[in-house]
Amino acid sequence: MSIPDGLWYSKDHEWARLEDDHAVIGITEFAQGELGDIIFVEFPKVGQKFSGGDTFGTVEAVKTVADLFMPLDGEIIEVNNALDEEPDRVNSDPYGAGWLVKVKLSVPGGTGDLLDAAGYKELIG
């Protein structure tokens, strides 16, 4: 299972890649594996603001529907509209083409209580 270094991970199985004043957010390989085949992603609207821990959307899989939790405080500046047509990108490339949203961070560079790769590996065992 892939847990790339250089990303930050939430205990709810979202990841964040910090890029200047914003972050790219997705779900981890572990999460997509637990969910199964992703068939739909519900996104927030661009401009919506969230605090870390807030629900910002849902992922629908063949087995279940799961809430998405924002790992950091910020404002949605982009959603991955490619997932409307190809939601299975979340399964095939969760850390690349399967990203979910981009967020302008309220605190650029801040990682709050997120885990590094080693901490996330320990969390999921």
C-alpha atoms as a PDB file:
ATOM      1  CA  MET A   1       0.000   0.000   0.000  1.00  0.00           C
ATOM      2  CA  SER A   2       1.331   3.392  -0.973  1.00  0.00           C
ATOM      3  CA  ILE A   3       1.725   6.102   1.686  1.00  0.00           C
ATOM      4  CA  PRO A   4       3.828   8.787  -0.009  1.00  0.00           C
ATOM      5  CA  ASP A   5       6.250  10.913   1.992  1.00  0.00           C
ATOM      6  CA  GLY A   6       5.737  14.654   1.669  1.00  0.00           C
ATOM      7  CA  LEU A   7       1.966  14.480   2.196  1.00  0.00           C
ATOM      8  CA  TRP A   8       0.034  15.082   5.409  1.00  0.00           C
ATOM      9  CA  TYR A   9      -2.645  12.639   6.548  1.00  0.00           C
ATOM     10  CA  SER A  10      -5.772  12.934   8.677  1.00  0.00           C
ATOM     11  CA  LYS A  11      -7.077  10.283  11.023  1.00  0.00           C
ATOM     12  CA  ASP A  12     -10.166  10.252   8.765  1.00  0.00           C
ATOM     13  CA  HIS A  13      -7.972   9.050   5.846  1.00  0.00           C
ATOM     14  CA  GLU A  14      -7.740  12.242   3.793  1.00  0.00           C
ATOM     15  CA  TRP A  15      -4.376  13.514   2.570  1.00  0.00           C
ATOM     16  CA  ALA A  16      -3.122  17.041   1.901  1.00  0.00           C
ATOM     17  CA  ARG A  17      -0.271  18.185  -0.315  1.00  0.00           C
ATOM     18  CA  LEU A  18       0.821  21.705   0.656  1.00  0.00           C
ATOM     19  CA  GLU A  19       1.636  24.017  -2.265  1.00  0.00           C
ATOM     20  CA  ASP A  20       2.458  27.624  -1.320  1.00  0.00           C
ATOM     21  CA  ASP A  21      -0.752  29.147   0.078  1.00  0.00           C
ATOM     22  CA  HIS A  22      -3.024  26.249  -0.859  1.00  0.00           C
ATOM     23  CA  ALA A  23      -3.381  22.486  -0.488  1.00  0.00           C
ATOM     24  CA  VAL A  24      -4.545  19.693  -2.742  1.00  0.00           C
ATOM     25  CA  ILE A  25      -6.828  17.280  -0.861  1.00  0.00           C
ATOM     26  CA  GLY A  26      -7.760  13.665  -1.591  1.00  0.00           C
ATOM     27  CA  ILE A  27      -8.478  10.370   0.111  1.00  0.00           C
ATOM     28  CA  THR A  28      -5.782   7.823   0.851  1.00  0.00           C
ATOM     29  CA  GLU A  29      -5.175   4.544  -0.902  1.00  0.00           C
ATOM     30  CA  PHE A  30      -6.220   2.844   2.342  1.00  0.00           C
ATOM     31  CA  ALA A  31      -9.577   4.696   2.324  1.00  0.00           C
ATOM     32  CA  GLN A  32     -10.390   3.977  -1.309  1.00  0.00           C
ATOM     33  CA  GLY A  33      -9.478   0.329  -0.747  1.00  0.00           C
ATOM     34  CA  GLU A  34     -11.873   0.102   2.183  1.00  0.00           C
ATOM     35  CA  LEU A  35     -14.659   1.787   0.195  1.00  0.00           C
ATOM     36  CA  GLY A  36     -14.311  -0.271  -2.970  1.00  0.00           C
ATOM     37  CA  ASP A  37     -15.156   0.965  -6.454  1.00  0.00           C
ATOM     38  CA  ILE A  38     -15.947   4.699  -6.365  1.00  0.00           C
ATOM     39  CA  ILE A  39     -18.957   5.584  -8.528  1.00  0.00           C
ATOM     40  CA  PHE A  40     -19.700   9.205  -7.544  1.00  0.00           C
ATOM     41  CA  VAL A  41     -18.120  12.127  -5.702  1.00  0.00           C
ATOM     42  CA  GLU A  42     -20.194  14.996  -4.294  1.00  0.00           C
ATOM     43  CA  PHE A  43     -18.171  18.212  -4.172  1.00  0.00           C
ATOM     44  CA  PRO A  44     -18.619  21.482  -2.295  1.00  0.00           C
ATOM     45  CA  LYS A  45     -19.006  24.735  -4.198  1.00  0.00           C
ATOM     46  CA  VAL A  46     -15.974  26.834  -5.058  1.00  0.00           C
ATOM     47  CA  GLY A  47     -15.786  29.642  -2.502  1.00  0.00           C
ATOM     48  CA  GLN A  48     -17.142  27.611   0.412  1.00  0.00           C
ATOM     49  CA  LYS A  49     -15.072  27.829   3.593  1.00  0.00           C
ATOM     50  CA  PHE A  50     -14.401  24.929   5.927  1.00  0.00           C
ATOM     51  CA  SER A  51     -12.644  24.299   9.208  1.00  0.00           C
ATOM     52  CA  GLY A  52     -10.543  21.215   9.781  1.00  0.00           C
ATOM     53  CA  GLY A  53     -12.853  18.301  10.585  1.00  0.00           C
ATOM     54  CA  ASP A  54     -15.888  19.725   8.736  1.00  0.00           C
ATOM     55  CA  THR A  55     -17.696  17.483   6.256  1.00  0.00           C
ATOM     56  CA  PHE A  56     -17.073  18.872   2.769  1.00  0.00           C
ATOM     57  CA  GLY A  57     -18.664  16.241   0.548  1.00  0.00           C
ATOM     58  CA  THR A  58     -19.290  12.539   0.080  1.00  0.00           C
ATOM     59  CA  VAL A  59     -17.852   9.634  -1.853  1.00  0.00           C
ATOM     60  CA  GLU A  60     -20.271   6.998  -3.091  1.00  0.00           C
ATOM     61  CA  ALA A  61     -18.935   3.519  -3.669  1.00  0.00           C
ATOM     62  CA  VAL A  62     -20.650   0.319  -4.700  1.00  0.00           C
ATOM     63  CA  LYS A  63     -20.658  -0.774  -1.033  1.00  0.00           C
ATOM     64  CA  THR A  64     -21.416   2.462   0.826  1.00  0.00           C
ATOM     65  CA  VAL A  65     -21.482   6.267   0.993  1.00  0.00           C
ATOM     66  CA  ALA A  66     -18.807   7.971   3.103  1.00  0.00           C
ATOM     67  CA  ASP A  67     -18.411  11.545   4.269  1.00  0.00           C
ATOM     68  CA  LEU A  68     -15.297  13.510   3.319  1.00  0.00           C
ATOM     69  CA  PHE A  69     -13.693  15.498   6.122  1.00  0.00           C
ATOM     70  CA  MET A  70     -11.644  18.636   5.521  1.00  0.00           C
ATOM     71  CA  PRO A  71      -8.157  18.122   6.965  1.00  0.00           C
ATOM     72  CA  LEU A  72      -7.242  21.847   7.136  1.00  0.00           C
ATOM     73  CA  ASP A  73      -8.976  25.222   7.464  1.00  0.00           C
ATOM     74  CA  GLY A  74      -9.551  26.948   4.153  1.00  0.00           C
ATOM     75  CA  GLU A  75     -11.656  27.969   1.175  1.00  0.00           C
ATOM     76  CA  ILE A  76     -12.394  25.749  -1.825  1.00  0.00           C
ATOM     77  CA  ILE A  77     -10.690  27.214  -4.901  1.00  0.00           C
ATOM     78  CA  GLU A  78     -11.061  24.261  -7.292  1.00  0.00           C
ATOM     79  CA  VAL A  79     -12.773  20.872  -7.526  1.00  0.00           C
ATOM     80  CA  ASN A  80     -11.620  17.966  -9.687  1.00  0.00           C
ATOM     81  CA  ASN A  81     -14.428  18.016 -12.258  1.00  0.00           C
ATOM     82  CA  ALA A  82     -12.756  15.158 -14.162  1.00  0.00           C
ATOM     83  CA  LEU A  83     -14.162  12.875 -11.449  1.00  0.00           C
ATOM     84  CA  ASP A  84     -17.703  13.632 -12.664  1.00  0.00           C
ATOM     85  CA  GLU A  85     -16.965  11.501 -15.735  1.00  0.00           C
ATOM     86  CA  GLU A  86     -14.300   9.210 -14.242  1.00  0.00           C
ATOM     87  CA  PRO A  87     -14.845   8.790 -10.480  1.00  0.00           C
ATOM     88  CA  ASP A  88     -12.762   5.602 -10.596  1.00  0.00           C
ATOM     89  CA  ARG A  89      -9.649   7.803 -10.826  1.00  0.00           C
ATOM     90  CA  VAL A  90      -9.912   7.935  -7.022  1.00  0.00           C
ATOM     91  CA  ASN A  91      -9.325   4.163  -7.023  1.00  0.00           C
ATOM     92  CA  SER A  92      -6.657   3.987  -9.707  1.00  0.00           C
ATOM     93  CA  ASP A  93      -4.615   7.077  -8.747  1.00  0.00           C
ATOM     94  CA  PRO A  94      -5.675   8.419  -5.321  1.00  0.00           C
ATOM     95  CA  TYR A  95      -2.565  10.616  -4.899  1.00  0.00           C
ATOM     96  CA  GLY A  96      -2.530  11.941  -8.468  1.00  0.00           C
ATOM     97  CA  ALA A  97      -5.426  12.234 -10.934  1.00  0.00           C
ATOM     98  CA  GLY A  98      -7.862  11.189  -8.184  1.00  0.00           C
ATOM     99  CA  TRP A  99      -7.401  14.343  -6.078  1.00  0.00           C
ATOM    100  CA  LEU A 100     -10.668  15.911  -4.879  1.00  0.00           C
ATOM    101  CA  VAL A 101     -10.344  19.629  -4.116  1.00  0.00           C
ATOM    102  CA  LYS A 102      -7.864  22.474  -3.852  1.00  0.00           C
ATOM    103  CA  VAL A 103      -8.132  24.725  -0.818  1.00  0.00           C
ATOM    104  CA  LYS A 104      -6.702  28.177  -0.151  1.00  0.00           C
ATOM    105  CA  LEU A 105      -5.344  27.711   3.351  1.00  0.00           C
ATOM    106  CA  SER A 106      -6.393  29.972   6.212  1.00  0.00           C
ATOM    107  CA  VAL A 107      -2.927  29.345   7.694  1.00  0.00           C
ATOM    108  CA  PRO A 108      -0.460  28.762   4.831  1.00  0.00           C
ATOM    109  CA  GLY A 109       2.030  26.035   5.689  1.00  0.00           C
ATOM    110  CA  GLY A 110       0.097  24.965   8.781  1.00  0.00           C
ATOM    111  CA  THR A 111      -0.545  21.265   9.229  1.00  0.00           C
ATOM    112  CA  GLY A 112      -2.638  21.303  12.401  1.00  0.00           C
ATOM    113  CA  ASP A 113      -2.880  17.824  13.881  1.00  0.00           C
ATOM    114  CA  LEU A 114      -2.194  15.986  10.622  1.00  0.00           C
ATOM    115  CA  LEU A 115       0.181  13.053  10.534  1.00  0.00           C
ATOM    116  CA  ASP A 116       3.288  12.594   8.422  1.00  0.00           C
ATOM    117  CA  ALA A 117       3.669   9.354   6.412  1.00  0.00           C
ATOM    118  CA  ALA A 118       5.267   7.466   9.332  1.00  0.00           C
ATOM    119  CA  GLY A 119       2.488   8.533  11.699  1.00  0.00           C
ATOM    120  CA  TYR A 120      -0.201   7.510   9.206  1.00  0.00           C
ATOM    121  CA  LYS A 121       1.441   4.100   8.668  1.00  0.00           C
ATOM    122  CA  GLU A 122       1.320   3.590  12.417  1.00  0.00           C
ATOM    123  CA  LEU A 123      -2.359   4.652  12.529  1.00  0.00           C
ATOM    124  CA  ILE A 124      -3.504   2.135   9.933  1.00  0.00           C
ATOM    125  CA  GLY A 125      -1.165  -0.610  11.179  1.00  0.00           C
END
